[in-house]
N, C-alpha and C. Protein backbone atom coordinates (compact mmCIF):
# COMPACT_ATOMS: atom_id res chain seq x y z
N MET A 1 -15.73 -23.44 -16.82
CA MET A 1 -15.05 -22.79 -18.55
C MET A 1 -13.71 -22.91 -17.87
N THR A 2 -12.24 -23.41 -18.21
CA THR A 2 -10.79 -22.97 -17.64
C THR A 2 -10.34 -21.95 -17.16
N ALA A 3 -9.75 -21.01 -17.35
CA ALA A 3 -8.72 -20.16 -16.89
C ALA A 3 -8.32 -19.41 -17.92
N PRO A 4 -8.20 -17.85 -17.21
CA PRO A 4 -7.62 -17.13 -18.40
C PRO A 4 -6.82 -17.17 -19.14
N VAL A 5 -5.67 -17.15 -19.69
CA VAL A 5 -4.00 -17.49 -19.88
C VAL A 5 -3.65 -16.23 -20.86
N LEU A 6 -1.94 -16.04 -19.97
CA LEU A 6 -1.37 -15.04 -20.65
C LEU A 6 -0.10 -15.88 -20.48
N LEU A 7 0.67 -15.82 -21.62
CA LEU A 7 1.75 -16.22 -22.18
C LEU A 7 2.77 -15.10 -21.94
N VAL A 8 3.40 -15.17 -21.86
CA VAL A 8 4.87 -13.76 -21.86
C VAL A 8 5.81 -14.56 -22.59
N LEU A 9 6.16 -13.79 -23.54
CA LEU A 9 7.32 -14.49 -24.97
C LEU A 9 8.35 -13.51 -24.71
N GLY A 10 9.33 -13.92 -23.95
CA GLY A 10 10.84 -13.06 -23.46
C GLY A 10 10.52 -13.04 -22.07
N ALA A 11 10.35 -14.11 -21.47
CA ALA A 11 10.42 -13.98 -20.16
C ALA A 11 11.51 -13.78 -19.37
N GLY A 12 11.51 -13.05 -18.41
CA GLY A 12 12.58 -12.65 -17.18
C GLY A 12 12.78 -12.61 -15.70
N PRO A 13 12.93 -12.64 -14.86
CA PRO A 13 13.37 -12.35 -13.96
C PRO A 13 12.78 -10.93 -13.17
N GLY A 14 12.77 -10.39 -14.77
CA GLY A 14 12.35 -8.77 -14.63
C GLY A 14 11.25 -8.28 -14.20
N VAL A 15 10.56 -8.02 -15.63
CA VAL A 15 9.33 -7.36 -16.02
C VAL A 15 8.52 -8.21 -16.42
N GLY A 16 9.10 -9.71 -17.29
CA GLY A 16 8.27 -10.14 -17.36
C GLY A 16 7.36 -11.11 -16.33
N LEU A 17 8.50 -11.13 -15.19
CA LEU A 17 7.69 -12.35 -14.14
C LEU A 17 6.68 -11.24 -13.40
N SER A 18 7.15 -10.23 -13.45
CA SER A 18 6.37 -9.20 -12.65
C SER A 18 5.32 -8.94 -13.34
N VAL A 19 4.69 -8.76 -14.73
CA VAL A 19 3.51 -8.98 -15.14
C VAL A 19 3.04 -10.12 -14.95
N ALA A 20 3.52 -11.54 -14.97
CA ALA A 20 3.20 -13.20 -15.24
C ALA A 20 2.02 -12.70 -13.54
N ARG A 21 2.95 -12.29 -12.69
CA ARG A 21 2.09 -12.02 -11.32
C ARG A 21 1.15 -11.10 -10.78
N LEU A 22 0.96 -10.16 -11.78
CA LEU A 22 -0.39 -9.39 -11.58
C LEU A 22 -1.58 -10.15 -11.81
N PHE A 23 -1.21 -10.56 -13.36
CA PHE A 23 -2.27 -11.38 -14.40
C PHE A 23 -2.47 -12.93 -13.55
N ALA A 24 -1.21 -13.28 -12.81
CA ALA A 24 -1.87 -14.85 -11.68
C ALA A 24 -2.67 -14.04 -10.63
N ARG A 25 -2.83 -13.16 -10.38
CA ARG A 25 -3.67 -12.39 -9.22
C ARG A 25 -5.14 -12.14 -9.69
N ASP A 26 -5.01 -12.28 -10.58
CA ASP A 26 -6.44 -11.95 -11.46
C ASP A 26 -6.72 -13.22 -12.22
N GLY A 27 -6.08 -14.07 -11.51
CA GLY A 27 -6.66 -15.52 -11.10
C GLY A 27 -6.53 -16.20 -13.06
N PHE A 28 -5.27 -15.61 -13.80
CA PHE A 28 -4.82 -16.51 -14.97
C PHE A 28 -3.67 -17.26 -14.02
N ALA A 29 -3.63 -18.21 -15.86
CA ALA A 29 -3.13 -19.30 -15.33
C ALA A 29 -1.63 -18.59 -16.86
N ALA A 30 -0.02 -18.60 -15.86
CA ALA A 30 0.68 -17.88 -16.49
C ALA A 30 1.89 -18.83 -17.08
N VAL A 31 2.89 -18.22 -17.84
CA VAL A 31 2.88 -19.50 -19.26
C VAL A 31 4.40 -19.01 -19.31
N LEU A 32 5.68 -18.66 -18.48
CA LEU A 32 6.42 -17.82 -19.23
C LEU A 32 7.29 -18.67 -19.80
N ALA A 33 7.81 -17.75 -21.34
CA ALA A 33 8.25 -18.15 -22.42
C ALA A 33 10.25 -17.84 -22.32
N CYS A 34 10.96 -18.35 -22.64
CA CYS A 34 12.36 -17.82 -21.51
C CYS A 34 13.32 -18.44 -23.42
N ARG A 35 14.61 -18.32 -23.60
CA ARG A 35 14.98 -19.16 -25.07
C ARG A 35 14.74 -20.99 -24.43
N PHE A 36 15.16 -21.19 -23.20
CA PHE A 36 15.70 -22.66 -22.65
C PHE A 36 14.37 -22.70 -21.66
N ASP A 37 13.57 -24.24 -21.23
CA ASP A 37 13.71 -24.68 -20.89
C ASP A 37 14.06 -24.58 -19.22
N THR A 38 15.00 -24.49 -19.05
CA THR A 38 15.74 -24.55 -17.67
C THR A 38 15.86 -23.02 -16.99
N GLU A 39 15.63 -22.03 -18.53
CA GLU A 39 15.53 -20.61 -17.61
C GLU A 39 13.85 -20.47 -16.98
N ALA A 40 13.00 -21.07 -17.67
CA ALA A 40 11.48 -20.83 -17.71
C ALA A 40 11.11 -21.00 -16.63
N GLU A 41 11.31 -22.27 -16.47
CA GLU A 41 11.06 -23.21 -15.55
C GLU A 41 10.79 -22.70 -13.76
N PRO A 42 12.20 -21.96 -13.61
CA PRO A 42 12.63 -21.41 -12.29
C PRO A 42 11.48 -20.00 -11.86
N LEU A 43 11.35 -19.83 -12.68
CA LEU A 43 10.50 -18.27 -13.02
C LEU A 43 8.89 -19.04 -12.42
N ALA A 44 9.08 -19.62 -13.25
CA ALA A 44 7.42 -20.84 -12.96
C ALA A 44 7.47 -21.29 -11.93
N GLU A 45 8.14 -21.61 -11.02
CA GLU A 45 8.57 -22.19 -9.96
C GLU A 45 7.91 -21.05 -8.30
N GLN A 46 8.52 -20.23 -9.44
CA GLN A 46 8.37 -19.18 -8.48
C GLN A 46 7.29 -18.48 -7.66
N LEU A 47 6.61 -18.50 -9.29
CA LEU A 47 4.80 -18.29 -9.25
C LEU A 47 4.15 -19.74 -8.83
N ARG A 48 4.35 -20.88 -8.60
CA ARG A 48 3.32 -21.87 -8.36
C ARG A 48 3.89 -21.66 -6.71
N GLY A 49 5.02 -21.16 -6.05
CA GLY A 49 5.23 -20.88 -4.44
C GLY A 49 4.45 -19.79 -4.17
N GLU A 50 3.81 -18.95 -4.96
CA GLU A 50 3.23 -18.47 -4.67
C GLU A 50 1.46 -18.56 -4.06
N GLY A 51 1.82 -19.72 -5.30
CA GLY A 51 -0.18 -20.17 -5.29
C GLY A 51 -0.67 -19.95 -6.31
N PHE A 52 -0.08 -19.97 -7.56
CA PHE A 52 -0.39 -19.31 -8.71
C PHE A 52 -0.29 -20.26 -9.62
N ASP A 53 -0.84 -20.68 -10.62
CA ASP A 53 -1.15 -21.25 -11.42
C ASP A 53 0.02 -20.81 -12.57
N ALA A 54 1.34 -21.60 -12.94
CA ALA A 54 2.12 -21.26 -14.03
C ALA A 54 2.81 -22.25 -14.17
N SER A 55 3.54 -22.16 -15.94
CA SER A 55 4.74 -23.22 -16.43
C SER A 55 5.66 -22.23 -16.99
N GLY A 56 6.91 -23.42 -17.35
CA GLY A 56 7.73 -22.17 -18.29
C GLY A 56 7.68 -23.22 -19.29
N VAL A 57 8.34 -22.99 -20.56
CA VAL A 57 8.70 -23.24 -22.07
C VAL A 57 9.62 -22.56 -22.99
N GLY A 58 10.29 -23.32 -23.04
CA GLY A 58 11.24 -22.88 -24.25
C GLY A 58 10.48 -22.06 -25.32
N VAL A 59 11.26 -21.22 -25.87
CA VAL A 59 11.13 -20.73 -27.26
C VAL A 59 12.71 -19.79 -28.24
N ASP A 60 12.58 -20.57 -28.86
CA ASP A 60 14.01 -19.89 -29.55
C ASP A 60 13.00 -18.20 -30.62
N LEU A 61 13.19 -17.41 -30.03
CA LEU A 61 12.46 -16.27 -31.12
C LEU A 61 13.12 -15.71 -31.96
N GLY A 62 14.24 -16.53 -31.83
CA GLY A 62 14.86 -16.15 -33.87
C GLY A 62 14.63 -16.82 -34.81
N ASP A 63 13.35 -17.34 -34.40
CA ASP A 63 13.11 -19.02 -35.61
C ASP A 63 11.94 -18.61 -35.21
N PRO A 64 11.08 -18.74 -36.79
CA PRO A 64 9.60 -18.17 -36.55
C PRO A 64 8.98 -19.92 -36.61
N THR A 65 9.43 -20.46 -36.81
CA THR A 65 9.15 -21.98 -36.92
C THR A 65 8.94 -22.18 -35.46
N ASP A 66 10.18 -22.26 -34.76
CA ASP A 66 10.00 -22.60 -33.27
C ASP A 66 8.88 -21.62 -32.59
N VAL A 67 9.33 -20.24 -32.90
CA VAL A 67 7.94 -19.41 -32.01
C VAL A 67 6.48 -19.49 -32.82
N GLY A 68 6.26 -20.59 -34.00
CA GLY A 68 4.66 -21.38 -33.95
C GLY A 68 4.44 -22.08 -32.94
N ARG A 69 5.21 -23.02 -33.18
CA ARG A 69 5.07 -24.18 -32.32
C ARG A 69 5.15 -24.23 -30.75
N ALA A 70 5.54 -23.08 -30.48
CA ALA A 70 5.88 -23.44 -28.95
C ALA A 70 4.73 -22.34 -28.27
N VAL A 71 4.16 -21.14 -29.37
CA VAL A 71 2.64 -20.35 -29.48
C VAL A 71 1.53 -21.19 -29.57
N ALA A 72 1.20 -22.21 -30.49
CA ALA A 72 0.41 -23.02 -31.04
C ALA A 72 0.72 -24.30 -29.55
N GLY A 73 1.48 -24.56 -29.04
CA GLY A 73 1.38 -25.47 -28.39
C GLY A 73 0.64 -25.14 -26.93
N VAL A 74 0.64 -24.21 -26.27
CA VAL A 74 0.50 -23.10 -25.49
C VAL A 74 -1.44 -23.60 -25.36
N GLY A 75 -1.45 -22.81 -26.72
CA GLY A 75 -2.90 -22.28 -27.18
C GLY A 75 -3.25 -23.78 -27.26
N ASP A 76 -3.28 -24.96 -27.81
CA ASP A 76 -3.06 -26.13 -27.60
C ASP A 76 -3.62 -26.88 -26.26
N ARG A 77 -3.12 -27.15 -25.29
CA ARG A 77 -2.37 -27.00 -23.78
C ARG A 77 -3.61 -26.24 -22.88
N HIS A 78 -4.00 -25.11 -23.28
CA HIS A 78 -4.78 -24.70 -22.49
C HIS A 78 -6.07 -24.42 -23.20
N GLY A 79 -6.39 -24.75 -25.08
CA GLY A 79 -7.66 -24.26 -25.50
C GLY A 79 -7.59 -22.85 -25.83
N ARG A 80 -6.85 -21.72 -24.92
CA ARG A 80 -7.29 -20.16 -25.11
C ARG A 80 -5.53 -19.55 -24.81
N ILE A 81 -6.05 -18.14 -25.45
CA ILE A 81 -4.66 -17.34 -24.77
C ILE A 81 -5.63 -16.02 -24.84
N ASP A 82 -5.28 -15.64 -23.70
CA ASP A 82 -6.00 -14.42 -23.11
C ASP A 82 -5.18 -12.69 -23.63
N VAL A 83 -4.31 -12.80 -23.12
CA VAL A 83 -3.39 -11.91 -23.21
C VAL A 83 -2.29 -12.73 -23.82
N LEU A 84 -1.10 -12.75 -24.74
CA LEU A 84 0.14 -12.40 -25.51
C LEU A 84 0.96 -11.23 -24.84
N HIS A 85 2.24 -11.67 -24.13
CA HIS A 85 2.22 -10.31 -23.60
C HIS A 85 4.08 -10.53 -24.74
N PHE A 86 4.53 -9.74 -25.50
CA PHE A 86 6.12 -9.90 -25.91
C PHE A 86 6.53 -8.93 -25.18
N ASN A 87 7.62 -9.50 -24.30
CA ASN A 87 8.37 -8.92 -24.30
C ASN A 87 10.35 -8.57 -24.67
N PRO A 88 10.30 -9.18 -25.41
CA PRO A 88 11.56 -9.40 -25.89
C PRO A 88 12.57 -8.03 -26.41
N SER A 89 13.98 -7.94 -25.76
CA SER A 89 14.43 -6.71 -26.69
C SER A 89 15.55 -7.47 -26.28
N ILE A 90 16.45 -7.16 -27.60
CA ILE A 90 17.87 -7.73 -27.79
C ILE A 90 18.74 -6.08 -27.90
N PHE A 91 19.80 -6.03 -26.15
CA PHE A 91 20.92 -5.38 -25.90
C PHE A 91 22.15 -5.83 -26.33
N ARG A 92 22.45 -5.12 -27.62
CA ARG A 92 23.67 -4.93 -28.26
C ARG A 92 24.76 -4.00 -28.56
N GLN A 93 26.01 -3.67 -27.84
CA GLN A 93 26.27 -2.15 -27.86
C GLN A 93 27.15 -2.25 -29.15
N ALA A 94 26.85 -1.73 -29.45
CA ALA A 94 27.73 -1.36 -30.99
C ALA A 94 27.09 -0.25 -31.34
N ASP A 95 27.62 0.84 -32.03
CA ASP A 95 27.38 2.17 -33.17
C ASP A 95 26.60 1.54 -34.24
N PRO A 96 26.52 2.51 -35.13
CA PRO A 96 26.21 2.36 -36.73
C PRO A 96 27.03 1.99 -37.64
N LEU A 97 28.21 2.48 -36.60
CA LEU A 97 29.16 2.31 -37.67
C LEU A 97 30.30 1.10 -37.31
N ARG A 98 29.42 0.33 -36.59
CA ARG A 98 29.93 -1.00 -35.91
C ARG A 98 29.51 -2.06 -36.21
N LEU A 99 28.20 -1.77 -36.77
CA LEU A 99 27.19 -2.28 -35.90
C LEU A 99 27.01 -3.29 -38.34
N SER A 100 26.93 -4.55 -37.57
CA SER A 100 26.47 -5.42 -39.07
C SER A 100 25.12 -5.79 -39.48
N VAL A 101 24.93 -5.43 -40.48
CA VAL A 101 23.32 -5.91 -41.38
C VAL A 101 23.24 -7.28 -40.27
N PRO A 102 24.25 -8.27 -40.87
CA PRO A 102 23.90 -9.82 -39.90
C PRO A 102 23.37 -9.80 -38.48
N GLU A 103 24.17 -8.78 -38.10
CA GLU A 103 23.67 -8.41 -36.58
C GLU A 103 22.08 -7.38 -36.43
N LEU A 104 21.94 -6.71 -37.47
CA LEU A 104 21.02 -6.14 -37.33
C LEU A 104 19.77 -7.07 -37.41
N ILE A 105 20.11 -7.90 -38.70
CA ILE A 105 18.25 -8.83 -39.35
C ILE A 105 18.70 -9.37 -37.23
N GLU A 106 19.76 -9.96 -37.37
CA GLU A 106 19.31 -11.20 -36.01
C GLU A 106 18.78 -10.33 -34.70
N ASP A 107 19.22 -9.39 -34.00
CA ASP A 107 18.44 -8.01 -33.25
C ASP A 107 17.26 -8.20 -33.42
N PHE A 108 16.52 -7.38 -34.39
CA PHE A 108 15.44 -7.23 -35.58
C PHE A 108 14.55 -8.06 -35.53
N THR A 109 15.39 -9.20 -35.69
CA THR A 109 13.96 -10.37 -35.65
C THR A 109 13.63 -10.90 -34.52
N VAL A 110 14.14 -10.56 -33.34
CA VAL A 110 14.25 -11.05 -31.93
C VAL A 110 12.72 -10.24 -31.12
N GLY A 111 13.70 -8.92 -31.71
CA GLY A 111 12.80 -7.92 -30.52
C GLY A 111 12.32 -7.85 -31.16
N ALA A 112 11.27 -7.57 -32.59
CA ALA A 112 9.80 -6.69 -33.36
C ALA A 112 9.70 -8.55 -34.01
N ALA A 113 10.56 -8.60 -35.53
CA ALA A 113 9.64 -9.56 -35.94
C ALA A 113 8.87 -11.25 -36.18
N ALA A 114 9.74 -11.57 -34.28
CA ALA A 114 9.38 -12.38 -33.95
C ALA A 114 7.51 -12.20 -33.28
N LEU A 115 6.95 -11.29 -33.45
CA LEU A 115 6.01 -10.65 -32.43
C LEU A 115 4.84 -11.27 -34.46
N LEU A 116 5.38 -11.58 -35.94
CA LEU A 116 4.63 -11.16 -36.50
C LEU A 116 4.29 -13.16 -36.06
N PRO A 117 5.15 -14.21 -35.63
CA PRO A 117 4.93 -15.54 -35.75
C PRO A 117 3.72 -15.52 -34.78
N ALA A 118 4.14 -15.21 -33.84
CA ALA A 118 3.54 -15.43 -32.90
C ALA A 118 2.22 -15.64 -32.27
N VAL A 119 1.89 -13.92 -33.33
CA VAL A 119 0.94 -13.37 -33.41
C VAL A 119 -0.34 -14.32 -34.17
N GLN A 120 -0.33 -14.33 -35.16
CA GLN A 120 -0.29 -16.04 -36.26
C GLN A 120 -0.21 -16.62 -35.60
N ALA A 121 0.14 -17.57 -34.62
CA ALA A 121 0.30 -19.31 -34.18
C ALA A 121 -0.89 -19.10 -33.07
N ALA A 122 -1.16 -17.56 -32.42
CA ALA A 122 -1.70 -17.34 -31.72
C ALA A 122 -3.14 -17.19 -31.47
N ARG A 123 -3.18 -16.99 -33.06
CA ARG A 123 -5.41 -15.85 -33.55
C ARG A 123 -5.89 -16.92 -33.49
N PRO A 124 -5.38 -18.50 -33.49
CA PRO A 124 -6.83 -18.97 -33.65
C PRO A 124 -7.32 -19.68 -31.73
N TYR A 125 -6.67 -18.69 -30.94
CA TYR A 125 -6.32 -19.16 -29.59
C TYR A 125 -7.25 -17.94 -28.79
N LEU A 126 -7.05 -16.71 -29.66
CA LEU A 126 -7.50 -14.96 -29.34
C LEU A 126 -8.97 -15.17 -29.57
N SER A 127 -10.07 -14.86 -28.57
CA SER A 127 -11.08 -14.30 -28.31
C SER A 127 -11.41 -13.15 -28.50
N GLU A 128 -13.06 -12.55 -28.61
CA GLU A 128 -12.74 -11.55 -28.51
C GLU A 128 -12.90 -11.50 -27.05
N GLY A 129 -12.43 -10.24 -26.86
CA GLY A 129 -11.02 -9.44 -25.57
C GLY A 129 -10.10 -10.13 -25.11
N ALA A 130 -9.26 -10.20 -26.23
CA ALA A 130 -8.12 -10.89 -26.07
C ALA A 130 -7.29 -9.94 -26.25
N ARG A 131 -5.50 -9.44 -25.74
CA ARG A 131 -5.19 -8.36 -26.23
C ARG A 131 -4.12 -9.14 -26.48
N VAL A 132 -2.94 -8.31 -27.12
CA VAL A 132 -1.96 -8.23 -27.25
C VAL A 132 -0.97 -7.11 -26.75
N LEU A 133 -0.09 -7.12 -25.84
CA LEU A 133 0.70 -6.12 -24.86
C LEU A 133 2.14 -6.75 -25.30
N VAL A 134 2.69 -5.36 -25.83
CA VAL A 134 4.62 -5.18 -26.23
C VAL A 134 5.28 -4.37 -25.28
N THR A 135 5.97 -4.84 -25.00
CA THR A 135 6.43 -3.73 -23.90
C THR A 135 7.66 -2.80 -24.53
N GLY A 136 7.36 -1.91 -24.76
CA GLY A 136 8.11 -0.81 -25.76
C GLY A 136 9.38 -0.38 -24.61
N SER A 137 9.66 0.84 -25.37
CA SER A 137 10.51 1.56 -25.22
C SER A 137 11.16 3.37 -25.20
N ALA A 138 11.39 3.71 -24.79
CA ALA A 138 11.69 5.39 -25.74
C ALA A 138 13.05 5.67 -26.63
N ALA A 139 13.28 4.54 -26.37
CA ALA A 139 14.72 4.08 -27.49
C ALA A 139 14.12 4.06 -29.07
N ALA A 140 12.43 3.60 -29.00
CA ALA A 140 12.01 4.26 -30.28
C ALA A 140 12.04 5.54 -30.85
N ASP A 141 12.18 6.49 -29.92
CA ASP A 141 12.03 8.00 -30.14
C ASP A 141 13.60 8.18 -30.08
N LYS A 142 14.22 7.78 -29.26
CA LYS A 142 15.78 8.49 -28.70
C LYS A 142 16.46 7.27 -28.68
N PRO A 143 16.84 6.96 -29.79
CA PRO A 143 18.08 5.71 -29.94
C PRO A 143 19.33 6.42 -29.24
N TRP A 144 19.80 4.89 -28.09
CA TRP A 144 21.66 6.11 -27.81
C TRP A 144 22.21 5.13 -28.93
N HIS A 145 23.49 5.54 -29.49
CA HIS A 145 23.33 5.49 -30.25
C HIS A 145 24.50 4.54 -30.34
N GLN A 146 25.16 4.30 -29.62
CA GLN A 146 26.00 2.92 -28.59
C GLN A 146 25.44 1.65 -28.73
N ALA A 147 23.77 1.74 -29.02
CA ALA A 147 22.39 0.60 -28.94
C ALA A 147 22.18 0.23 -30.07
N ALA A 148 22.54 0.58 -30.94
CA ALA A 148 21.43 1.57 -32.14
C ALA A 148 20.82 0.38 -32.58
N SER A 149 21.30 -0.81 -32.31
CA SER A 149 19.88 -1.88 -32.66
C SER A 149 18.69 -1.73 -32.11
N LEU A 150 18.85 -1.42 -30.68
CA LEU A 150 17.46 -1.90 -29.76
C LEU A 150 17.07 -0.66 -30.58
N GLY A 151 16.84 0.66 -30.34
CA GLY A 151 15.57 1.28 -31.22
C GLY A 151 15.53 1.17 -32.14
N VAL A 152 16.39 0.24 -33.53
CA VAL A 152 15.41 -0.27 -34.73
C VAL A 152 14.35 -1.41 -33.74
N GLN A 153 14.85 -1.84 -32.82
CA GLN A 153 13.70 -2.90 -32.45
C GLN A 153 12.44 -1.60 -32.40
N LYS A 154 12.97 -1.62 -31.51
CA LYS A 154 11.49 -0.88 -30.77
C LYS A 154 11.01 0.22 -31.91
N ALA A 155 11.08 0.94 -32.83
CA ALA A 155 10.74 1.65 -33.41
C ALA A 155 9.01 0.13 -34.79
N ALA A 156 10.29 -0.66 -34.87
CA ALA A 156 9.60 -1.24 -35.75
C ALA A 156 8.81 -2.58 -35.44
N VAL A 157 8.67 -2.35 -33.76
CA VAL A 157 7.99 -3.49 -32.59
C VAL A 157 6.44 -1.88 -33.28
N ARG A 158 6.24 -0.66 -32.15
CA ARG A 158 5.69 0.19 -31.71
C ARG A 158 4.93 -0.12 -33.19
N ASN A 159 5.32 -0.06 -34.39
CA ASN A 159 4.73 0.23 -36.04
C ASN A 159 4.03 -0.60 -36.17
N LEU A 160 4.52 -1.98 -36.16
CA LEU A 160 4.03 -3.40 -36.49
C LEU A 160 2.89 -3.65 -35.23
N VAL A 161 2.76 -2.78 -33.78
CA VAL A 161 1.68 -3.11 -32.98
C VAL A 161 0.01 -2.03 -33.43
N THR A 162 0.49 -1.19 -34.53
CA THR A 162 -0.55 -0.12 -34.66
C THR A 162 -0.77 -0.75 -35.69
N SER A 163 -0.81 -1.74 -36.64
CA SER A 163 -1.04 -2.51 -37.79
C SER A 163 -2.08 -3.55 -37.53
N LEU A 164 -1.24 -4.59 -36.29
CA LEU A 164 -1.86 -5.70 -35.60
C LEU A 164 -3.45 -5.66 -34.59
N ASP A 165 -3.57 -4.01 -34.30
CA ASP A 165 -4.32 -3.31 -33.74
C ASP A 165 -6.07 -2.93 -34.80
N THR A 166 -5.31 -2.43 -35.57
CA THR A 166 -6.46 -2.82 -36.66
C THR A 166 -6.69 -3.43 -37.32
N THR A 167 -5.62 -4.92 -37.60
CA THR A 167 -6.10 -6.23 -38.33
C THR A 167 -7.18 -6.62 -36.96
N LEU A 168 -6.69 -7.03 -35.97
CA LEU A 168 -8.01 -7.32 -34.75
C LEU A 168 -9.09 -7.09 -34.01
N ALA A 169 -9.13 -5.91 -34.27
CA ALA A 169 -9.94 -5.13 -34.01
C ALA A 169 -11.54 -4.90 -33.92
N PRO A 170 -11.66 -5.69 -35.83
CA PRO A 170 -13.52 -5.98 -35.47
C PRO A 170 -13.75 -7.20 -35.47
N ALA A 171 -12.65 -8.57 -34.55
CA ALA A 171 -12.24 -9.31 -33.65
C ALA A 171 -12.58 -8.84 -32.48
N GLY A 172 -12.69 -7.83 -32.43
CA GLY A 172 -12.76 -7.42 -30.82
C GLY A 172 -11.46 -7.85 -29.90
N ILE A 173 -10.24 -8.14 -31.09
CA ILE A 173 -9.02 -8.34 -29.62
C ILE A 173 -8.20 -6.53 -30.28
N ARG A 174 -7.99 -6.38 -28.96
CA ARG A 174 -6.58 -5.06 -29.25
C ARG A 174 -5.24 -5.66 -29.05
N ALA A 175 -4.36 -4.44 -29.32
CA ALA A 175 -3.34 -4.54 -28.96
C ALA A 175 -2.58 -2.91 -28.38
N VAL A 176 -1.37 -3.27 -27.73
CA VAL A 176 -1.09 -2.17 -27.39
C VAL A 176 0.33 -1.97 -27.17
N ALA A 177 1.21 -1.56 -27.78
CA ALA A 177 2.91 -1.18 -26.63
C ALA A 177 2.59 0.12 -26.05
N VAL A 178 3.75 -0.76 -24.94
CA VAL A 178 3.19 0.51 -23.66
C VAL A 178 4.47 0.96 -24.02
N GLN A 179 5.06 2.78 -23.60
CA GLN A 179 6.55 2.97 -23.94
C GLN A 179 7.11 3.00 -22.84
N ILE A 180 8.13 2.44 -22.36
CA ILE A 180 8.90 3.03 -21.56
C ILE A 180 9.61 3.86 -21.20
N ASN A 181 9.39 5.27 -20.50
CA ASN A 181 10.21 5.96 -20.96
C ASN A 181 11.12 6.65 -19.60
N GLY A 182 11.71 5.58 -19.46
CA GLY A 182 12.32 5.81 -18.54
C GLY A 182 13.49 4.70 -18.57
N VAL A 183 14.63 4.62 -17.65
CA VAL A 183 15.64 3.49 -17.15
C VAL A 183 15.17 2.62 -16.64
N LEU A 184 15.02 0.87 -16.36
CA LEU A 184 14.17 0.25 -16.09
C LEU A 184 15.44 0.27 -14.77
N GLY A 185 14.95 0.00 -13.14
CA GLY A 185 14.95 -0.16 -12.22
C GLY A 185 15.34 1.13 -11.91
N GLU A 186 15.41 2.21 -12.15
CA GLU A 186 15.48 3.73 -11.02
C GLU A 186 14.01 4.10 -10.91
N GLY A 187 14.36 4.74 -9.82
CA GLY A 187 12.92 5.47 -9.97
C GLY A 187 11.96 5.08 -9.80
N ALA A 188 10.88 5.72 -10.53
CA ALA A 188 9.52 4.94 -11.01
C ALA A 188 9.36 3.93 -11.65
N PHE A 189 10.50 4.04 -12.32
CA PHE A 189 10.71 2.74 -12.76
C PHE A 189 11.57 1.23 -13.25
N THR A 190 10.82 1.14 -11.76
CA THR A 190 11.21 -0.26 -10.91
C THR A 190 10.22 -1.28 -11.84
N ARG A 191 11.04 -2.98 -11.65
CA ARG A 191 10.03 -3.46 -12.40
C ARG A 191 8.38 -3.27 -12.77
N GLU A 192 8.48 -3.44 -11.14
CA GLU A 192 6.91 -4.00 -10.36
C GLU A 192 6.02 -2.81 -11.04
N ARG A 193 6.70 -1.29 -10.90
CA ARG A 193 5.88 -0.16 -11.56
C ARG A 193 5.79 -0.28 -12.70
N VAL A 194 6.82 -0.49 -13.57
CA VAL A 194 6.31 -0.76 -14.75
C VAL A 194 6.13 -2.31 -15.37
N ALA A 195 5.92 -2.96 -14.77
CA ALA A 195 4.43 -4.16 -14.76
C ALA A 195 2.90 -3.30 -14.47
N GLU A 196 3.09 -2.82 -13.68
CA GLU A 196 1.91 -2.10 -13.22
C GLU A 196 0.88 -1.06 -14.91
N ALA A 197 2.29 -0.62 -15.47
CA ALA A 197 1.70 0.21 -16.25
C ALA A 197 1.79 -1.18 -16.92
N LEU A 198 2.38 -1.42 -17.43
CA LEU A 198 1.89 -2.59 -18.56
C LEU A 198 0.36 -3.21 -18.78
N HIS A 199 -0.51 -3.42 -17.74
CA HIS A 199 -1.68 -4.18 -16.62
C HIS A 199 -2.53 -3.59 -16.47
N ALA A 200 -1.89 -2.15 -16.62
CA ALA A 200 -3.17 -1.36 -16.44
C ALA A 200 -3.70 -1.06 -18.35
N ALA A 201 -2.56 -0.63 -19.24
CA ALA A 201 -2.93 -0.80 -20.15
C ALA A 201 -3.73 -1.97 -21.35
N ALA A 202 -3.37 -3.30 -20.52
CA ALA A 202 -3.85 -4.12 -21.43
C ALA A 202 -5.34 -4.62 -20.90
N THR A 203 -5.40 -4.06 -19.90
CA THR A 203 -7.01 -4.23 -18.81
C THR A 203 -7.83 -3.55 -18.74
N ARG A 204 -7.46 -1.94 -20.06
CA ARG A 204 -7.93 -0.89 -19.86
C ARG A 204 -9.83 -1.60 -20.89
N PRO A 205 -10.93 -0.66 -20.94
CA PRO A 205 -11.79 -1.03 -21.47
C PRO A 205 -12.01 -0.78 -23.02
N ALA A 206 -12.77 -1.58 -23.61
CA ALA A 206 -12.20 -1.44 -25.09
C ALA A 206 -12.56 0.45 -25.79
N SER A 207 -13.75 1.05 -25.06
CA SER A 207 -13.98 2.47 -24.99
C SER A 207 -12.71 2.98 -24.78
N ALA A 208 -12.01 2.41 -24.07
CA ALA A 208 -10.78 4.10 -24.16
C ALA A 208 -9.16 3.42 -24.46
N TRP A 209 -10.16 1.89 -25.61
CA TRP A 209 -8.72 1.91 -26.59
C TRP A 209 -8.27 2.87 -27.34
N THR A 210 -6.46 2.53 -27.05
CA THR A 210 -5.61 3.16 -27.70
C THR A 210 -4.16 1.81 -27.87
N PRO A 211 -3.58 2.18 -29.31
CA PRO A 211 -2.52 0.67 -29.73
C PRO A 211 -1.85 1.87 -29.04
N HIS A 212 -1.29 2.83 -28.14
CA HIS A 212 -0.09 2.97 -28.18
C HIS A 212 -0.35 4.26 -26.55
N VAL A 213 0.34 3.32 -25.57
CA VAL A 213 0.71 4.36 -23.89
C VAL A 213 1.61 4.11 -23.91
N SER A 214 1.94 5.95 -23.55
CA SER A 214 3.34 5.80 -22.58
C SER A 214 3.56 5.84 -20.87
N TYR A 215 4.39 5.57 -20.50
CA TYR A 215 4.73 5.39 -19.25
C TYR A 215 5.59 6.45 -18.94
N ASP A 216 5.64 7.04 -18.48
CA ASP A 216 6.63 8.47 -18.08
C ASP A 216 6.76 8.51 -16.64
N GLY A 217 7.14 7.65 -15.30
CA GLY A 217 6.77 7.60 -14.16
C GLY A 217 6.26 7.66 -13.40
């Protein structure tokens, strides 16, 4: 059998890379997806330099067709996807009186709606025991008015995870959103600690499953 596969959408040098490292230590092949190949490959190279199986791929999360292409490409290449980690968010400093509808839709598309084509494309490669993991935020409940679109993204993606988990559960596939109730990089919310919380949520036994987990530090 081939190694299990982790695909991180919206990977970056912070939480995304740290989550990939934890799963790589578990024996997963890690695929890190960024906007451009030139952004993804250096991240993958860091993991390869540590002795792990890793690769990078470019994907435009604002384009549902490209999301489907990239995810299906990973599935075709590896024959499986075991953990799909949805990690993107768009931070746009604009309060509700300055945020335009096109800007809100653009941010929402990347930070929430892109999860739909990602899971739809991944579904043929998800087997019993596979997991959909989403990085959530306290902004879902307590949005900062100066970045109004971020709260919309996080509230929407959390809601979507509930529907995904219910839909996928009969096949033994589960979805979870981990709400990070703190400021990334401060105190107990370093990228490593947050990554540990995400990893722990995705690797829980099915008997203890809930579609939402809070990380309070």
